[in-house]
């Protein structure tokens, strides 16, 4: 399992749509599994799960992406990968997880640059 976290000042819906497209267009085997978008008071949470085949690892990996905006325009991004290991009792060969997460990090960096967002 690998994790990526960041905070940027932006609109949560715009970022969610951008990341969704980048993840799906970043790999021919990437698929959107399911997600939810809900609001509680002034807090909005978007949670999406993706999956793809890892040619590096020879297995499937998943990526869970959570975007949270507490109503102040600062979006907290948390992405966690899972799967990809080929061992029964311990994790080996996590290359696919790391590569999937790296793609997300690159997409966030590109979004920050193209939308002139502030890191928080």
Protein backbone atom coordinates (compact mmCIF):
# COMPACT_ATOMS: atom_id res chain seq x y z
CA UNK A 1 0.00 0.00 0.00
CA UNK A 2 1.19 3.47 -0.89
CA UNK A 3 -0.32 6.84 0.02
CA UNK A 4 -0.30 10.35 -1.44
CA UNK A 5 -1.63 13.44 0.35
CA UNK A 6 -1.73 17.09 -0.61
CA UNK A 7 -3.81 20.22 -0.07
CA UNK A 8 -4.52 22.88 -2.66
CA UNK A 9 -6.80 25.87 -2.95
CA UNK A 10 -9.21 25.09 -5.78
CA UNK A 11 -12.76 24.04 -6.59
CA UNK A 12 -13.37 20.45 -5.54
CA UNK A 13 -15.63 19.55 -8.47
CA UNK A 14 -13.20 20.89 -11.05
CA UNK A 15 -10.33 18.95 -9.49
CA UNK A 16 -12.40 15.76 -9.21
CA UNK A 17 -13.37 15.90 -12.90
CA UNK A 18 -9.78 16.61 -13.94
CA UNK A 19 -8.33 13.73 -11.91
CA UNK A 20 -11.05 11.35 -13.10
CA UNK A 21 -10.17 12.05 -16.74
CA UNK A 22 -6.42 11.89 -16.13
CA UNK A 23 -6.65 8.55 -14.32
CA UNK A 24 -8.85 6.96 -16.98
CA UNK A 25 -6.78 8.37 -19.86
CA UNK A 26 -3.48 7.50 -18.16
CA UNK A 27 -3.75 3.76 -18.79
CA UNK A 28 -5.65 1.69 -21.36
CA UNK A 29 -6.63 -0.77 -18.63
CA UNK A 30 -7.82 1.85 -16.09
CA UNK A 31 -11.45 1.65 -15.06
CA UNK A 32 -13.73 3.57 -12.74
CA UNK A 33 -15.15 1.09 -10.22
CA UNK A 34 -17.50 3.26 -8.15
CA UNK A 35 -17.66 6.37 -6.04
CA UNK A 36 -19.78 8.80 -4.11
CA UNK A 37 -20.16 12.55 -3.80
CA UNK A 38 -21.85 13.89 -0.70
CA UNK A 39 -22.18 17.05 1.36
CA UNK A 40 -22.62 17.35 5.12
CA UNK A 41 -23.17 20.93 6.22
CA UNK A 42 -20.50 22.93 4.42
CA UNK A 43 -18.20 19.92 3.94
CA UNK A 44 -18.13 18.15 0.57
CA UNK A 45 -16.48 14.79 0.08
CA UNK A 46 -15.84 13.04 -3.23
CA UNK A 47 -14.61 9.46 -3.03
CA UNK A 48 -13.74 7.43 -6.15
CA UNK A 49 -12.18 4.02 -6.66
CA UNK A 50 -10.23 3.06 -9.80
CA UNK A 51 -8.53 -0.10 -10.92
CA UNK A 52 -5.99 -0.97 -13.57
CA UNK A 53 -3.80 -3.79 -14.72
CA UNK A 54 -0.13 -3.33 -13.85
CA UNK A 55 2.12 -4.58 -16.60
CA UNK A 56 5.11 -3.99 -14.32
CA UNK A 57 3.71 -6.18 -11.57
CA UNK A 58 1.62 -8.56 -13.67
CA UNK A 59 -1.46 -7.97 -11.50
CA UNK A 60 -4.36 -5.58 -10.83
CA UNK A 61 -4.13 -2.62 -8.48
CA UNK A 62 -6.74 -0.27 -7.10
CA UNK A 63 -6.56 3.43 -6.32
CA UNK A 64 -8.93 5.07 -3.85
CA UNK A 65 -9.08 8.86 -4.15
CA UNK A 66 -10.75 11.04 -1.52
CA UNK A 67 -11.20 14.78 -2.01
CA UNK A 68 -12.49 16.83 0.93
CA UNK A 69 -13.43 20.51 1.08
CA UNK A 70 -14.52 21.81 4.49
CA UNK A 71 -16.16 24.80 2.83
CA UNK A 72 -13.09 27.02 2.80
CA UNK A 73 -11.97 26.27 -0.78
CA UNK A 74 -9.02 24.17 0.37
CA UNK A 75 -9.20 20.66 -1.03
CA UNK A 76 -7.45 17.88 0.85
CA UNK A 77 -6.43 15.03 -1.46
CA UNK A 78 -5.79 11.57 -0.07
CA UNK A 79 -5.07 8.69 -2.45
CA UNK A 80 -4.26 5.15 -1.38
CA UNK A 81 -3.36 2.18 -3.57
CA UNK A 82 -3.98 -1.46 -2.75
CA UNK A 83 -3.44 -4.83 -4.34
CA UNK A 84 -0.60 -5.64 -6.61
CA UNK A 85 1.28 -7.99 -4.33
CA UNK A 86 1.90 -11.56 -5.39
CA UNK A 87 2.86 -12.98 -2.00
CA UNK A 88 0.53 -14.67 0.48
CA UNK A 89 1.85 -13.45 3.84
CA UNK A 90 3.80 -10.28 3.07
CA UNK A 91 3.94 -7.66 0.33
CA UNK A 92 6.39 -7.99 -2.50
CA UNK A 93 6.36 -6.44 -5.95
CA UNK A 94 4.50 -3.21 -5.20
CA UNK A 95 5.73 -1.59 -8.44
CA UNK A 96 2.22 -1.36 -9.88
CA UNK A 97 0.85 0.43 -6.82
CA UNK A 98 3.67 2.95 -6.84
CA UNK A 99 3.33 3.58 -10.59
CA UNK A 100 -0.45 4.15 -10.27
CA UNK A 101 0.12 6.59 -7.42
CA UNK A 102 2.91 8.36 -9.33
CA UNK A 103 0.47 8.99 -12.20
CA UNK A 104 -1.95 10.61 -9.76
CA UNK A 105 0.81 12.78 -8.28
CA UNK A 106 1.83 13.89 -11.78
CA UNK A 107 -1.80 14.75 -12.56
CA UNK A 108 -2.11 16.83 -9.37
CA UNK A 109 1.13 18.67 -10.21
CA UNK A 110 -0.09 19.36 -13.75
CA UNK A 111 -3.43 20.61 -12.39
CA UNK A 112 -1.68 22.95 -9.96
CA UNK A 113 0.46 24.36 -12.78
CA UNK A 114 -2.33 24.76 -15.33
CA UNK A 115 -4.84 26.23 -12.86
CA UNK A 116 -2.29 28.31 -10.94
CA UNK A 117 -3.38 26.81 -7.64
CA UNK A 118 -1.73 27.50 -4.33
CA UNK A 119 -0.40 24.61 -2.30
CA UNK A 120 -1.52 24.86 1.30
